[in-house]
Amino acid sequence: MMDEIVFYDTLRAGLWDAVLISLPILSVALIAGLIVGLFQALTSIQEMTLTFVPKLVAILVVFWGSMGFMTETLVSFFQLRVVPLIAGG
């Protein structure tokens, strides 16, 4: 039987890892959106693909670059938190 404290601690750690994993992608999406928005405001170009394509490219580049970090974070979470709970430790 899992104790309430262990459950909430594992949930907290999982949510924190989710924040850490998503932080690089969300940061780049925010920065790319701000740059594209500033460019659109300065040039008065209101093209929908202009907002979508650069953000998508930036997100994909950061995703591929940070995939190792994401994988390591998830694997360590499961090895250190989830597997011992399943094994009864």
PDB file of N, CA and C in Angstrom:
ATOM      1  N   MET A   1       0.845  -1.186   0.000  1.00  0.00           N
ATOM      2  CA  MET A   1       0.000   0.000   0.000  1.00  0.00           C
ATOM      3  C   MET A   1       0.885   1.242   0.000  1.00  0.00           C
ATOM      4  N   MET A   2       0.621   2.163  -0.928  1.00  0.00           N
ATOM      5  CA  MET A   2       1.447   3.358  -1.032  1.00  0.00           C
ATOM      6  C   MET A   2       0.945   4.417  -0.055  1.00  0.00           C
ATOM      7  N   ASP A   3       1.873   4.965   0.662  1.00  0.00           N
ATOM      8  CA  ASP A   3       1.571   6.021   1.609  1.00  0.00           C
ATOM      9  C   ASP A   3       1.211   7.302   0.857  1.00  0.00           C
ATOM     10  N   GLU A   4       0.375   8.136   1.456  1.00  0.00           N
ATOM     11  CA  GLU A   4      -0.012   9.401   0.824  1.00  0.00           C
ATOM     12  C   GLU A   4       1.182  10.311   0.572  1.00  0.00           C
ATOM     13  N   ILE A   5       2.094  10.346   1.505  1.00  0.00           N
ATOM     14  CA  ILE A   5       3.273  11.202   1.375  1.00  0.00           C
ATOM     15  C   ILE A   5       4.125  10.757   0.191  1.00  0.00           C
ATOM     16  N   VAL A   6       4.302   9.461   0.035  1.00  0.00           N
ATOM     17  CA  VAL A   6       5.091   8.935  -1.081  1.00  0.00           C
ATOM     18  C   VAL A   6       4.404   9.252  -2.400  1.00  0.00           C
ATOM     19  N   PHE A   7       3.083   9.110  -2.433  1.00  0.00           N
ATOM     20  CA  PHE A   7       2.330   9.406  -3.654  1.00  0.00           C
ATOM     21  C   PHE A   7       2.496  10.868  -4.061  1.00  0.00           C
ATOM     22  N   TYR A   8       2.283  11.772  -3.119  1.00  0.00           N
ATOM     23  CA  TYR A   8       2.378  13.199  -3.442  1.00  0.00           C
ATOM     24  C   TYR A   8       3.813  13.624  -3.750  1.00  0.00           C
ATOM     25  N   ASP A   9       4.780  13.012  -3.110  1.00  0.00           N
ATOM     26  CA  ASP A   9       6.177  13.326  -3.412  1.00  0.00           C
ATOM     27  C   ASP A   9       6.543  12.853  -4.816  1.00  0.00           C
ATOM     28  N   THR A  10       6.070  11.675  -5.186  1.00  0.00           N
ATOM     29  CA  THR A  10       6.319  11.172  -6.533  1.00  0.00           C
ATOM     30  C   THR A  10       5.606  12.030  -7.576  1.00  0.00           C
ATOM     31  N   LEU A  11       4.383  12.441  -7.270  1.00  0.00           N
ATOM     32  CA  LEU A  11       3.649  13.319  -8.169  1.00  0.00           C
ATOM     33  C   LEU A  11       4.353  14.660  -8.321  1.00  0.00           C
ATOM     34  N   ARG A  12       4.828  15.220  -7.224  1.00  0.00           N
ATOM     35  CA  ARG A  12       5.549  16.493  -7.267  1.00  0.00           C
ATOM     36  C   ARG A  12       6.814  16.371  -8.107  1.00  0.00           C
ATOM     37  N   ALA A  13       7.559  15.289  -7.898  1.00  0.00           N
ATOM     38  CA  ALA A  13       8.786  15.078  -8.674  1.00  0.00           C
ATOM     39  C   ALA A  13       8.478  14.891 -10.160  1.00  0.00           C
ATOM     40  N   GLY A  14       7.394  14.197 -10.467  1.00  0.00           N
ATOM     41  CA  GLY A  14       7.008  14.011 -11.866  1.00  0.00           C
ATOM     42  C   GLY A  14       6.606  15.310 -12.533  1.00  0.00           C
ATOM     43  N   LEU A  15       5.869  16.137 -11.803  1.00  0.00           N
ATOM     44  CA  LEU A  15       5.480  17.430 -12.360  1.00  0.00           C
ATOM     45  C   LEU A  15       6.694  18.342 -12.548  1.00  0.00           C
ATOM     46  N   TRP A  16       7.622  18.296 -11.598  1.00  0.00           N
ATOM     47  CA  TRP A  16       8.821  19.113 -11.741  1.00  0.00           C
ATOM     48  C   TRP A  16       9.645  18.659 -12.941  1.00  0.00           C
ATOM     49  N   ASP A  17       9.761  17.340 -13.125  1.00  0.00           N
ATOM     50  CA  ASP A  17      10.483  16.831 -14.294  1.00  0.00           C
ATOM     51  C   ASP A  17       9.780  17.231 -15.586  1.00  0.00           C
ATOM     52  N   ALA A  18       8.450  17.247 -15.577  1.00  0.00           N
ATOM     53  CA  ALA A  18       7.695  17.689 -16.768  1.00  0.00           C
ATOM     54  C   ALA A  18       7.986  19.149 -17.077  1.00  0.00           C
ATOM     55  N   VAL A  19       8.104  19.969 -16.040  1.00  0.00           N
ATOM     56  CA  VAL A  19       8.443  21.388 -16.247  1.00  0.00           C
ATOM     57  C   VAL A  19       9.844  21.505 -16.839  1.00  0.00           C
ATOM     58  N   LEU A  20      10.792  20.755 -16.280  1.00  0.00           N
ATOM     59  CA  LEU A  20      12.171  20.816 -16.784  1.00  0.00           C
ATOM     60  C   LEU A  20      12.272  20.333 -18.227  1.00  0.00           C
ATOM     61  N   ILE A  21      11.516  19.300 -18.564  1.00  0.00           N
ATOM     62  CA  ILE A  21      11.566  18.747 -19.913  1.00  0.00           C
ATOM     63  C   ILE A  21      10.955  19.725 -20.923  1.00  0.00           C
ATOM     64  N   SER A  22       9.875  20.387 -20.536  1.00  0.00           N
ATOM     65  CA  SER A  22       9.196  21.268 -21.483  1.00  0.00           C
ATOM     66  C   SER A  22       9.794  22.667 -21.552  1.00  0.00           C
ATOM     67  N   LEU A  23      10.632  23.021 -20.600  1.00  0.00           N
ATOM     68  CA  LEU A  23      11.167  24.376 -20.536  1.00  0.00           C
ATOM     69  C   LEU A  23      11.949  24.805 -21.783  1.00  0.00           C
ATOM     70  N   PRO A  24      12.857  23.994 -22.332  1.00  0.00           N
ATOM     71  CA  PRO A  24      13.584  24.452 -23.529  1.00  0.00           C
ATOM     72  C   PRO A  24      12.666  24.723 -24.725  1.00  0.00           C
ATOM     73  N   ILE A  25      11.710  23.832 -24.956  1.00  0.00           N
ATOM     74  CA  ILE A  25      10.826  23.997 -26.112  1.00  0.00           C
ATOM     75  C   ILE A  25       9.915  25.201 -25.927  1.00  0.00           C
ATOM     76  N   LEU A  26       9.350  25.346 -24.736  1.00  0.00           N
ATOM     77  CA  LEU A  26       8.445  26.474 -24.505  1.00  0.00           C
ATOM     78  C   LEU A  26       9.186  27.809 -24.545  1.00  0.00           C
ATOM     79  N   SER A  27      10.426  27.829 -24.059  1.00  0.00           N
ATOM     80  CA  SER A  27      11.216  29.066 -24.091  1.00  0.00           C
ATOM     81  C   SER A  27      11.503  29.492 -25.520  1.00  0.00           C
ATOM     82  N   VAL A  28      11.896  28.540 -26.344  1.00  0.00           N
ATOM     83  CA  VAL A  28      12.195  28.858 -27.740  1.00  0.00           C
ATOM     84  C   VAL A  28      10.931  29.276 -28.482  1.00  0.00           C
ATOM     85  N   ALA A  29       9.803  28.632 -28.195  1.00  0.00           N
ATOM     86  CA  ALA A  29       8.550  29.021 -28.836  1.00  0.00           C
ATOM     87  C   ALA A  29       8.175  30.450 -28.450  1.00  0.00           C
ATOM     88  N   LEU A  30       8.381  30.795 -27.183  1.00  0.00           N
ATOM     89  CA  LEU A  30       8.081  32.153 -26.736  1.00  0.00           C
ATOM     90  C   LEU A  30       8.985  33.179 -27.410  1.00  0.00           C
ATOM     91  N   ILE A  31      10.274  32.902 -27.429  1.00  0.00           N
ATOM     92  CA  ILE A  31      11.230  33.837 -28.023  1.00  0.00           C
ATOM     93  C   ILE A  31      10.979  33.981 -29.529  1.00  0.00           C
ATOM     94  N   ALA A  32      10.750  32.847 -30.209  1.00  0.00           N
ATOM     95  CA  ALA A  32      10.479  32.904 -31.657  1.00  0.00           C
ATOM     96  C   ALA A  32       9.177  33.654 -31.921  1.00  0.00           C
ATOM     97  N   GLY A  33       8.176  33.458 -31.102  1.00  0.00           N
ATOM     98  CA  GLY A  33       6.910  34.171 -31.271  1.00  0.00           C
ATOM     99  C   GLY A  33       7.068  35.669 -31.077  1.00  0.00           C
ATOM    100  N   LEU A  34       7.865  36.046 -30.079  1.00  0.00           N
ATOM    101  CA  LEU A  34       8.111  37.469 -29.857  1.00  0.00           C
ATOM    102  C   LEU A  34       8.865  38.104 -31.019  1.00  0.00           C
ATOM    103  N   ILE A  35       9.867  37.405 -31.526  1.00  0.00           N
ATOM    104  CA  ILE A  35      10.660  37.937 -32.645  1.00  0.00           C
ATOM    105  C   ILE A  35       9.791  38.065 -33.895  1.00  0.00           C
ATOM    106  N   VAL A  36       9.016  37.028 -34.194  1.00  0.00           N
ATOM    107  CA  VAL A  36       8.152  37.079 -35.377  1.00  0.00           C
ATOM    108  C   VAL A  36       7.080  38.147 -35.214  1.00  0.00           C
ATOM    109  N   GLY A  37       6.512  38.265 -34.015  1.00  0.00           N
ATOM    110  CA  GLY A  37       5.508  39.301 -33.769  1.00  0.00           C
ATOM    111  C   GLY A  37       6.079  40.693 -33.912  1.00  0.00           C
ATOM    112  N   LEU A  38       7.289  40.895 -33.412  1.00  0.00           N
ATOM    113  CA  LEU A  38       7.951  42.189 -33.565  1.00  0.00           C
ATOM    114  C   LEU A  38       8.236  42.481 -35.032  1.00  0.00           C
ATOM    115  N   PHE A  39       8.690  41.464 -35.761  1.00  0.00           N
ATOM    116  CA  PHE A  39       8.945  41.627 -37.186  1.00  0.00           C
ATOM    117  C   PHE A  39       7.661  41.975 -37.941  1.00  0.00           C
ATOM    118  N   GLN A  40       6.560  41.301 -37.589  1.00  0.00           N
ATOM    119  CA  GLN A  40       5.287  41.589 -38.250  1.00  0.00           C
ATOM    120  C   GLN A  40       4.795  42.995 -37.919  1.00  0.00           C
ATOM    121  N   ALA A  41       4.997  43.415 -36.681  1.00  0.00           N
ATOM    122  CA  ALA A  41       4.552  44.754 -36.302  1.00  0.00           C
ATOM    123  C   ALA A  41       5.377  45.836 -37.000  1.00  0.00           C
ATOM    124  N   LEU A  42       6.657  45.579 -37.159  1.00  0.00           N
ATOM    125  CA  LEU A  42       7.523  46.576 -37.800  1.00  0.00           C
ATOM    126  C   LEU A  42       7.304  46.661 -39.309  1.00  0.00           C
ATOM    127  N   THR A  43       6.963  45.527 -39.936  1.00  0.00           N
ATOM    128  CA  THR A  43       6.827  45.518 -41.391  1.00  0.00           C
ATOM    129  C   THR A  43       5.374  45.520 -41.854  1.00  0.00           C
ATOM    130  N   SER A  44       4.435  45.410 -40.958  1.00  0.00           N
ATOM    131  CA  SER A  44       2.992  45.352 -41.272  1.00  0.00           C
ATOM    132  C   SER A  44       2.637  44.171 -42.170  1.00  0.00           C
ATOM    133  N   ILE A  45       3.398  43.104 -42.084  1.00  0.00           N
ATOM    134  CA  ILE A  45       3.094  41.876 -42.822  1.00  0.00           C
ATOM    135  C   ILE A  45       2.260  40.988 -41.896  1.00  0.00           C
ATOM    136  N   GLN A  46       1.064  40.641 -42.330  1.00  0.00           N
ATOM    137  CA  GLN A  46       0.173  39.826 -41.502  1.00  0.00           C
ATOM    138  C   GLN A  46      -0.095  38.472 -42.168  1.00  0.00           C
ATOM    139  N   GLU A  47       0.949  37.762 -42.440  1.00  0.00           N
ATOM    140  CA  GLU A  47       0.838  36.451 -43.075  1.00  0.00           C
ATOM    141  C   GLU A  47       0.806  35.376 -41.987  1.00  0.00           C
ATOM    142  N   MET A  48      -0.187  34.476 -42.046  1.00  0.00           N
ATOM    143  CA  MET A  48      -0.336  33.455 -41.011  1.00  0.00           C
ATOM    144  C   MET A  48       0.805  32.443 -41.018  1.00  0.00           C
ATOM    145  N   THR A  49       1.311  32.110 -42.202  1.00  0.00           N
ATOM    146  CA  THR A  49       2.405  31.139 -42.248  1.00  0.00           C
ATOM    147  C   THR A  49       3.688  31.724 -41.685  1.00  0.00           C
ATOM    148  N   LEU A  50       3.796  33.041 -41.690  1.00  0.00           N
ATOM    149  CA  LEU A  50       4.986  33.673 -41.141  1.00  0.00           C
ATOM    150  C   LEU A  50       5.078  33.462 -39.636  1.00  0.00           C
ATOM    151  N   THR A  51       3.964  33.334 -38.950  1.00  0.00           N
ATOM    152  CA  THR A  51       4.007  33.073 -37.511  1.00  0.00           C
ATOM    153  C   THR A  51       4.205  31.602 -37.225  1.00  0.00           C
ATOM    154  N   PHE A  52       3.694  30.748 -38.085  1.00  0.00           N
ATOM    155  CA  PHE A  52       3.710  29.314 -37.816  1.00  0.00           C
ATOM    156  C   PHE A  52       5.034  28.642 -38.166  1.00  0.00           C
ATOM    157  N   VAL A  53       5.541  28.887 -39.349  1.00  0.00           N
ATOM    158  CA  VAL A  53       6.712  28.161 -39.853  1.00  0.00           C
ATOM    159  C   VAL A  53       7.984  28.439 -39.041  1.00  0.00           C
ATOM    160  N   PRO A  54       8.336  29.686 -38.736  1.00  0.00           N
ATOM    161  CA  PRO A  54       9.569  29.883 -37.955  1.00  0.00           C
ATOM    162  C   PRO A  54       9.491  29.277 -36.548  1.00  0.00           C
ATOM    163  N   LYS A  55       8.317  29.367 -35.918  1.00  0.00           N
ATOM    164  CA  LYS A  55       8.177  28.756 -34.599  1.00  0.00           C
ATOM    165  C   LYS A  55       8.289  27.243 -34.684  1.00  0.00           C
ATOM    166  N   LEU A  56       7.691  26.659 -35.691  1.00  0.00           N
ATOM    167  CA  LEU A  56       7.771  25.212 -35.866  1.00  0.00           C
ATOM    168  C   LEU A  56       9.204  24.760 -36.095  1.00  0.00           C
ATOM    169  N   VAL A  57       9.925  25.473 -36.941  1.00  0.00           N
ATOM    170  CA  VAL A  57      11.329  25.124 -37.213  1.00  0.00           C
ATOM    171  C   VAL A  57      12.171  25.266 -35.942  1.00  0.00           C
ATOM    172  N   ALA A  58      11.977  26.352 -35.203  1.00  0.00           N
ATOM    173  CA  ALA A  58      12.739  26.557 -33.969  1.00  0.00           C
ATOM    174  C   ALA A  58      12.427  25.476 -32.947  1.00  0.00           C
ATOM    175  N   ILE A  59      11.168  25.119 -32.825  1.00  0.00           N
ATOM    176  CA  ILE A  59      10.780  24.079 -31.870  1.00  0.00           C
ATOM    177  C   ILE A  59      11.381  22.738 -32.265  1.00  0.00           C
ATOM    178  N   LEU A  60      11.344  22.407 -33.551  1.00  0.00           N
ATOM    179  CA  LEU A  60      11.924  21.132 -34.000  1.00  0.00           C
ATOM    180  C   LEU A  60      13.426  21.079 -33.763  1.00  0.00           C
ATOM    181  N   VAL A  61      14.119  22.191 -34.021  1.00  0.00           N
ATOM    182  CA  VAL A  61      15.574  22.219 -33.795  1.00  0.00           C
ATOM    183  C   VAL A  61      15.890  22.015 -32.312  1.00  0.00           C
ATOM    184  N   VAL A  62      15.168  22.710 -31.447  1.00  0.00           N
ATOM    185  CA  VAL A  62      15.414  22.571 -30.009  1.00  0.00           C
ATOM    186  C   VAL A  62      14.996  21.187 -29.527  1.00  0.00           C
ATOM    187  N   PHE A  63      13.929  20.650 -30.080  1.00  0.00           N
ATOM    188  CA  PHE A  63      13.503  19.301 -29.699  1.00  0.00           C
ATOM    189  C   PHE A  63      14.580  18.277 -30.018  1.00  0.00           C
ATOM    190  N   TRP A  64      15.117  18.339 -31.224  1.00  0.00           N
ATOM    191  CA  TRP A  64      16.174  17.399 -31.599  1.00  0.00           C
ATOM    192  C   TRP A  64      17.436  17.633 -30.772  1.00  0.00           C
ATOM    193  N   GLY A  65      17.717  18.890 -30.454  1.00  0.00           N
ATOM    194  CA  GLY A  65      18.909  19.180 -29.653  1.00  0.00           C
ATOM    195  C   GLY A  65      18.792  18.771 -28.204  1.00  0.00           C
ATOM    196  N   SER A  66      17.586  18.810 -27.661  1.00  0.00           N
ATOM    197  CA  SER A  66      17.417  18.502 -26.245  1.00  0.00           C
ATOM    198  C   SER A  66      16.811  17.125 -26.007  1.00  0.00           C
ATOM    199  N   MET A  67      16.726  16.319 -27.033  1.00  0.00           N
ATOM    200  CA  MET A  67      16.135  14.996 -26.879  1.00  0.00           C
ATOM    201  C   MET A  67      16.920  14.114 -25.911  1.00  0.00           C
ATOM    202  N   GLY A  68      18.231  14.232 -25.914  1.00  0.00           N
ATOM    203  CA  GLY A  68      19.046  13.453 -24.983  1.00  0.00           C
ATOM    204  C   GLY A  68      18.774  13.840 -23.541  1.00  0.00           C
ATOM    205  N   PHE A  69      18.669  15.140 -23.284  1.00  0.00           N
ATOM    206  CA  PHE A  69      18.348  15.624 -21.941  1.00  0.00           C
ATOM    207  C   PHE A  69      16.972  15.138 -21.494  1.00  0.00           C
ATOM    208  N   MET A  70      16.011  15.200 -22.399  1.00  0.00           N
ATOM    209  CA  MET A  70      14.662  14.747 -22.062  1.00  0.00           C
ATOM    210  C   MET A  70      14.640  13.258 -21.730  1.00  0.00           C
ATOM    211  N   THR A  71      15.329  12.477 -22.534  1.00  0.00           N
ATOM    212  CA  THR A  71      15.374  11.040 -22.310  1.00  0.00           C
ATOM    213  C   THR A  71      16.062  10.711 -20.994  1.00  0.00           C
ATOM    214  N   GLU A  72      17.195  11.358 -20.721  1.00  0.00           N
ATOM    215  CA  GLU A  72      17.894  11.120 -19.458  1.00  0.00           C
ATOM    216  C   GLU A  72      17.034  11.484 -18.261  1.00  0.00           C
ATOM    217  N   THR A  73      16.308  12.586 -18.341  1.00  0.00           N
ATOM    218  CA  THR A  73      15.461  13.019 -17.244  1.00  0.00           C
ATOM    219  C   THR A  73      14.344  12.013 -16.991  1.00  0.00           C
ATOM    220  N   LEU A  74      13.694  11.562 -18.042  1.00  0.00           N
ATOM    221  CA  LEU A  74      12.615  10.596 -17.878  1.00  0.00           C
ATOM    222  C   LEU A  74      13.119   9.249 -17.372  1.00  0.00           C
ATOM    223  N   VAL A  75      14.227   8.794 -17.914  1.00  0.00           N
ATOM    224  CA  VAL A  75      14.770   7.499 -17.484  1.00  0.00           C
ATOM    225  C   VAL A  75      15.201   7.553 -16.025  1.00  0.00           C
ATOM    226  N   SER A  76      15.848   8.635 -15.624  1.00  0.00           N
ATOM    227  CA  SER A  76      16.262   8.729 -14.218  1.00  0.00           C
ATOM    228  C   SER A  76      15.055   8.835 -13.296  1.00  0.00           C
ATOM    229  N   PHE A  77      13.987   9.531 -13.719  1.00  0.00           N
ATOM    230  CA  PHE A  77      12.778   9.600 -12.896  1.00  0.00           C
ATOM    231  C   PHE A  77      12.197   8.209 -12.682  1.00  0.00           C
ATOM    232  N   PHE A  78      12.094   7.451 -13.753  1.00  0.00           N
ATOM    233  CA  PHE A  78      11.515   6.125 -13.625  1.00  0.00           C
ATOM    234  C   PHE A  78      12.423   5.179 -12.849  1.00  0.00           C
ATOM    235  N   GLN A  79      13.740   5.268 -13.064  1.00  0.00           N
ATOM    236  CA  GLN A  79      14.648   4.378 -12.347  1.00  0.00           C
ATOM    237  C   GLN A  79      14.743   4.712 -10.862  1.00  0.00           C
ATOM    238  N   LEU A  80      14.704   6.001 -10.525  1.00  0.00           N
ATOM    239  CA  LEU A  80      14.875   6.399  -9.134  1.00  0.00           C
ATOM    240  C   LEU A  80      13.569   6.487  -8.358  1.00  0.00           C
ATOM    241  N   ARG A  81      12.448   6.747  -9.029  1.00  0.00           N
ATOM    242  CA  ARG A  81      11.186   6.959  -8.324  1.00  0.00           C
ATOM    243  C   ARG A  81      10.158   5.854  -8.551  1.00  0.00           C
ATOM    244  N   VAL A  82       9.878   5.565  -9.807  1.00  0.00           N
ATOM    245  CA  VAL A  82       8.752   4.694 -10.125  1.00  0.00           C
ATOM    246  C   VAL A  82       9.084   3.216  -9.942  1.00  0.00           C
ATOM    247  N   VAL A  83      10.216   2.784 -10.472  1.00  0.00           N
ATOM    248  CA  VAL A  83      10.581   1.376 -10.382  1.00  0.00           C
ATOM    249  C   VAL A  83      10.726   0.902  -8.931  1.00  0.00           C
ATOM    250  N   PRO A  84      11.368   1.671  -8.051  1.00  0.00           N
ATOM    251  CA  PRO A  84      11.410   1.226  -6.650  1.00  0.00           C
ATOM    252  C   PRO A  84      10.015   1.132  -6.011  1.00  0.00           C
ATOM    253  N   LEU A  85       9.093   1.989  -6.398  1.00  0.00           N
ATOM    254  CA  LEU A  85       7.731   1.897  -5.862  1.00  0.00           C
ATOM    255  C   LEU A  85       7.023   0.641  -6.365  1.00  0.00           C
ATOM    256  N   ILE A  86       7.256   0.308  -7.634  1.00  0.00           N
ATOM    257  CA  ILE A  86       6.649  -0.896  -8.179  1.00  0.00           C
ATOM    258  C   ILE A  86       7.266  -2.138  -7.540  1.00  0.00           C
ATOM    259  N   ALA A  87       8.572  -2.096  -7.332  1.00  0.00           N
ATOM    260  CA  ALA A  87       9.269  -3.236  -6.742  1.00  0.00           C
ATOM    261  C   ALA A  87       8.991  -3.364  -5.249  1.00  0.00           C
ATOM    262  N   GLY A  88       8.413  -2.337  -4.658  1.00  0.00           N
ATOM    263  CA  GLY A  88       8.069  -2.424  -3.245  1.00  0.00           C
ATOM    264  C   GLY A  88       9.138  -1.861  -2.327  1.00  0.00           C
ATOM    265  N   GLY A  89      10.039  -1.031  -2.880  1.00  0.00           N
ATOM    266  CA  GLY A  89      11.127  -0.500  -2.079  1.00  0.00           C
ATOM    267  C   GLY A  89      10.825   0.825  -1.619  1.00  0.00           C
TER     268      GLY A  89
END
